Amino acid sequence: MQYLDARLAGQRVKFPLPLRRFRKLNIVWENSTLHFDDKVWPSKNKKAKTPSDIEIMVKPSALVILQPGR
């Protein structure tokens, strides 16, 4: 929150988390709720009972984040 507050105030501060570049990311989901496109997963009536592997793949140039100039 301090980082976001500082950025909103126009300050240039170092992002507090390390940068990780990847094309493929594998994570283990252990039954907590996730959000995809503002939707809760899994839905309340489909709760998983065991840990699951989640694979996220980013195709080249599929994700571009633009920051407005100052």
N, C-alpha and C. Protein backbone atom coordinates (compact mmCIF):
# COMPACT_ATOMS: atom_id res chain seq x y z
N MET A 1 0.82 -1.19 0.00
CA MET A 1 0.00 0.00 0.00
C MET A 1 0.87 1.26 0.00
N GLN A 2 2.00 1.20 0.70
CA GLN A 2 2.89 2.37 0.71
C GLN A 2 3.41 2.67 -0.70
N TYR A 3 3.73 1.61 -1.43
CA TYR A 3 4.20 1.80 -2.80
C TYR A 3 3.13 2.47 -3.65
N LEU A 4 1.90 1.96 -3.59
CA LEU A 4 0.82 2.53 -4.38
C LEU A 4 0.51 3.97 -3.97
N ASP A 5 0.54 4.24 -2.68
CA ASP A 5 0.32 5.62 -2.20
C ASP A 5 1.39 6.55 -2.74
N ALA A 6 2.64 6.11 -2.71
CA ALA A 6 3.74 6.93 -3.20
C ALA A 6 3.60 7.18 -4.70
N ARG A 7 3.24 6.15 -5.47
CA ARG A 7 3.07 6.31 -6.91
C ARG A 7 1.92 7.27 -7.21
N LEU A 8 0.83 7.15 -6.46
CA LEU A 8 -0.30 8.06 -6.67
C LEU A 8 0.08 9.50 -6.34
N ALA A 9 1.04 9.67 -5.43
CA ALA A 9 1.50 11.00 -5.06
C ALA A 9 2.56 11.52 -6.04
N GLY A 10 2.86 10.72 -7.09
CA GLY A 10 3.82 11.16 -8.09
C GLY A 10 5.27 10.88 -7.76
N GLN A 11 5.52 10.10 -6.73
CA GLN A 11 6.89 9.79 -6.34
C GLN A 11 7.40 8.60 -7.14
N ARG A 12 8.71 8.60 -7.42
CA ARG A 12 9.34 7.46 -8.08
C ARG A 12 9.97 6.61 -6.98
N VAL A 13 9.39 5.47 -6.72
CA VAL A 13 9.89 4.57 -5.69
C VAL A 13 10.13 3.19 -6.29
N LYS A 14 11.04 2.45 -5.69
CA LYS A 14 11.35 1.12 -6.17
C LYS A 14 10.21 0.17 -5.81
N PHE A 15 9.83 -0.66 -6.77
CA PHE A 15 8.78 -1.64 -6.52
C PHE A 15 9.26 -2.62 -5.46
N PRO A 16 8.46 -2.91 -4.43
CA PRO A 16 8.94 -3.67 -3.27
C PRO A 16 9.10 -5.17 -3.49
N LEU A 17 8.69 -5.70 -4.63
CA LEU A 17 8.82 -7.13 -4.89
C LEU A 17 9.79 -7.37 -6.03
N PRO A 18 10.48 -8.51 -6.03
CA PRO A 18 11.42 -8.78 -7.11
C PRO A 18 10.67 -9.04 -8.43
N LEU A 19 11.30 -8.64 -9.52
CA LEU A 19 10.74 -8.84 -10.85
C LEU A 19 11.10 -10.25 -11.32
N ARG A 20 10.13 -10.96 -11.82
CA ARG A 20 10.35 -12.30 -12.36
C ARG A 20 9.74 -12.36 -13.75
N ARG A 21 10.56 -12.61 -14.74
CA ARG A 21 10.06 -12.77 -16.10
C ARG A 21 9.88 -14.25 -16.37
N PHE A 22 8.80 -14.58 -17.06
CA PHE A 22 8.56 -15.98 -17.36
C PHE A 22 7.68 -16.12 -18.59
N ARG A 23 7.77 -17.24 -19.22
CA ARG A 23 6.86 -17.63 -20.30
C ARG A 23 5.90 -18.69 -19.79
N LYS A 24 6.38 -19.47 -18.81
CA LYS A 24 5.56 -20.54 -18.25
C LYS A 24 5.76 -20.54 -16.74
N LEU A 25 4.67 -20.55 -16.00
CA LEU A 25 4.72 -20.53 -14.54
C LEU A 25 3.84 -21.65 -14.02
N ASN A 26 4.42 -22.49 -13.17
CA ASN A 26 3.67 -23.57 -12.53
C ASN A 26 3.57 -23.25 -11.04
N ILE A 27 2.36 -23.27 -10.52
CA ILE A 27 2.15 -23.04 -9.09
C ILE A 27 1.24 -24.13 -8.55
N VAL A 28 1.34 -24.37 -7.26
CA VAL A 28 0.47 -25.35 -6.61
C VAL A 28 -0.59 -24.57 -5.85
N TRP A 29 -1.82 -24.85 -6.17
CA TRP A 29 -2.95 -24.20 -5.51
C TRP A 29 -3.44 -25.14 -4.43
N GLU A 30 -3.52 -24.62 -3.20
CA GLU A 30 -3.90 -25.45 -2.07
C GLU A 30 -5.24 -25.05 -1.48
N ASN A 31 -6.25 -25.05 -2.33
CA ASN A 31 -7.64 -24.90 -1.91
C ASN A 31 -8.05 -23.53 -1.40
N SER A 32 -7.29 -22.50 -1.72
CA SER A 32 -7.74 -21.16 -1.37
C SER A 32 -8.51 -20.59 -2.57
N THR A 33 -9.22 -19.52 -2.37
CA THR A 33 -9.99 -18.90 -3.42
C THR A 33 -9.08 -18.06 -4.31
N LEU A 34 -9.28 -18.14 -5.61
CA LEU A 34 -8.54 -17.34 -6.57
C LEU A 34 -9.53 -16.44 -7.32
N HIS A 35 -9.02 -15.39 -7.94
CA HIS A 35 -9.85 -14.51 -8.75
C HIS A 35 -9.29 -14.47 -10.17
N PHE A 36 -10.13 -14.80 -11.14
CA PHE A 36 -9.80 -14.70 -12.56
C PHE A 36 -10.81 -13.78 -13.21
N ASP A 37 -10.34 -12.68 -13.78
CA ASP A 37 -11.24 -11.73 -14.45
C ASP A 37 -12.42 -11.35 -13.57
N ASP A 38 -12.15 -11.02 -12.32
CA ASP A 38 -13.15 -10.59 -11.35
C ASP A 38 -14.16 -11.67 -11.00
N LYS A 39 -13.84 -12.93 -11.26
CA LYS A 39 -14.72 -14.03 -10.88
C LYS A 39 -13.98 -14.94 -9.91
N VAL A 40 -14.68 -15.39 -8.88
CA VAL A 40 -14.09 -16.27 -7.88
C VAL A 40 -13.99 -17.68 -8.44
N TRP A 41 -12.83 -18.32 -8.21
CA TRP A 41 -12.62 -19.70 -8.66
C TRP A 41 -12.01 -20.49 -7.54
N PRO A 42 -12.44 -21.66 -7.23
CA PRO A 42 -13.63 -22.28 -7.81
C PRO A 42 -14.88 -21.65 -7.22
N SER A 43 -15.99 -21.84 -7.87
CA SER A 43 -17.25 -21.29 -7.36
C SER A 43 -17.59 -21.98 -6.04
N LYS A 44 -18.45 -21.36 -5.28
CA LYS A 44 -18.78 -21.88 -3.94
C LYS A 44 -19.30 -23.31 -3.97
N ASN A 45 -20.01 -23.67 -5.01
CA ASN A 45 -20.58 -25.02 -5.07
C ASN A 45 -19.62 -26.05 -5.68
N LYS A 46 -18.39 -25.63 -6.05
CA LYS A 46 -17.42 -26.55 -6.66
C LYS A 46 -16.08 -26.48 -5.95
N LYS A 47 -16.08 -26.47 -4.65
CA LYS A 47 -14.82 -26.38 -3.91
C LYS A 47 -13.99 -27.64 -4.11
N ALA A 48 -12.70 -27.44 -4.40
CA ALA A 48 -11.79 -28.57 -4.56
C ALA A 48 -11.37 -29.09 -3.20
N LYS A 49 -11.09 -30.37 -3.14
CA LYS A 49 -10.73 -30.98 -1.87
C LYS A 49 -9.25 -31.34 -1.79
N THR A 50 -8.53 -31.29 -2.91
CA THR A 50 -7.11 -31.62 -2.91
C THR A 50 -6.33 -30.52 -3.62
N PRO A 51 -5.04 -30.37 -3.29
CA PRO A 51 -4.22 -29.38 -4.00
C PRO A 51 -4.17 -29.67 -5.50
N SER A 52 -4.03 -28.62 -6.29
CA SER A 52 -4.00 -28.74 -7.74
C SER A 52 -2.83 -27.95 -8.30
N ASP A 53 -2.32 -28.38 -9.44
CA ASP A 53 -1.29 -27.63 -10.15
C ASP A 53 -1.97 -26.67 -11.11
N ILE A 54 -1.44 -25.45 -11.18
CA ILE A 54 -1.94 -24.46 -12.12
C ILE A 54 -0.77 -24.07 -13.01
N GLU A 55 -1.00 -24.07 -14.31
CA GLU A 55 0.03 -23.69 -15.27
C GLU A 55 -0.42 -22.43 -15.98
N ILE A 56 0.42 -21.40 -15.96
CA ILE A 56 0.14 -20.14 -16.65
C ILE A 56 1.19 -19.97 -17.72
N MET A 57 0.74 -19.80 -18.95
CA MET A 57 1.68 -19.61 -20.06
C MET A 57 1.39 -18.26 -20.72
N VAL A 58 2.46 -17.52 -21.01
CA VAL A 58 2.34 -16.22 -21.67
C VAL A 58 2.99 -16.34 -23.04
N LYS A 59 2.21 -16.10 -24.06
CA LYS A 59 2.75 -16.14 -25.41
C LYS A 59 3.51 -14.84 -25.68
N PRO A 60 4.55 -14.88 -26.52
CA PRO A 60 5.30 -13.66 -26.83
C PRO A 60 4.37 -12.54 -27.30
N SER A 61 4.54 -11.38 -26.73
CA SER A 61 3.76 -10.17 -27.06
C SER A 61 2.28 -10.30 -26.74
N ALA A 62 1.87 -11.31 -25.98
CA ALA A 62 0.46 -11.48 -25.64
C ALA A 62 0.03 -10.51 -24.55
N LEU A 63 0.97 -10.10 -23.72
CA LEU A 63 0.65 -9.20 -22.62
C LEU A 63 1.54 -7.98 -22.71
N VAL A 64 0.93 -6.84 -22.90
CA VAL A 64 1.68 -5.58 -22.97
C VAL A 64 1.07 -4.62 -21.97
N ILE A 65 1.90 -4.09 -21.10
CA ILE A 65 1.43 -3.11 -20.09
C ILE A 65 2.04 -1.77 -20.44
N LEU A 66 1.20 -0.79 -20.64
CA LEU A 66 1.65 0.55 -21.01
C LEU A 66 1.52 1.48 -19.83
N GLN A 67 2.51 2.34 -19.68
CA GLN A 67 2.47 3.33 -18.60
C GLN A 67 2.45 4.70 -19.26
N PRO A 68 1.51 5.54 -18.88
CA PRO A 68 1.46 6.88 -19.50
C PRO A 68 2.71 7.68 -19.19
N GLY A 69 3.13 8.51 -20.12
CA GLY A 69 4.30 9.37 -19.93
C GLY A 69 4.03 10.43 -18.89
N ARG A 70 5.07 10.99 -18.39
CA ARG A 70 4.92 12.04 -17.37
C ARG A 70 5.12 13.39 -17.99
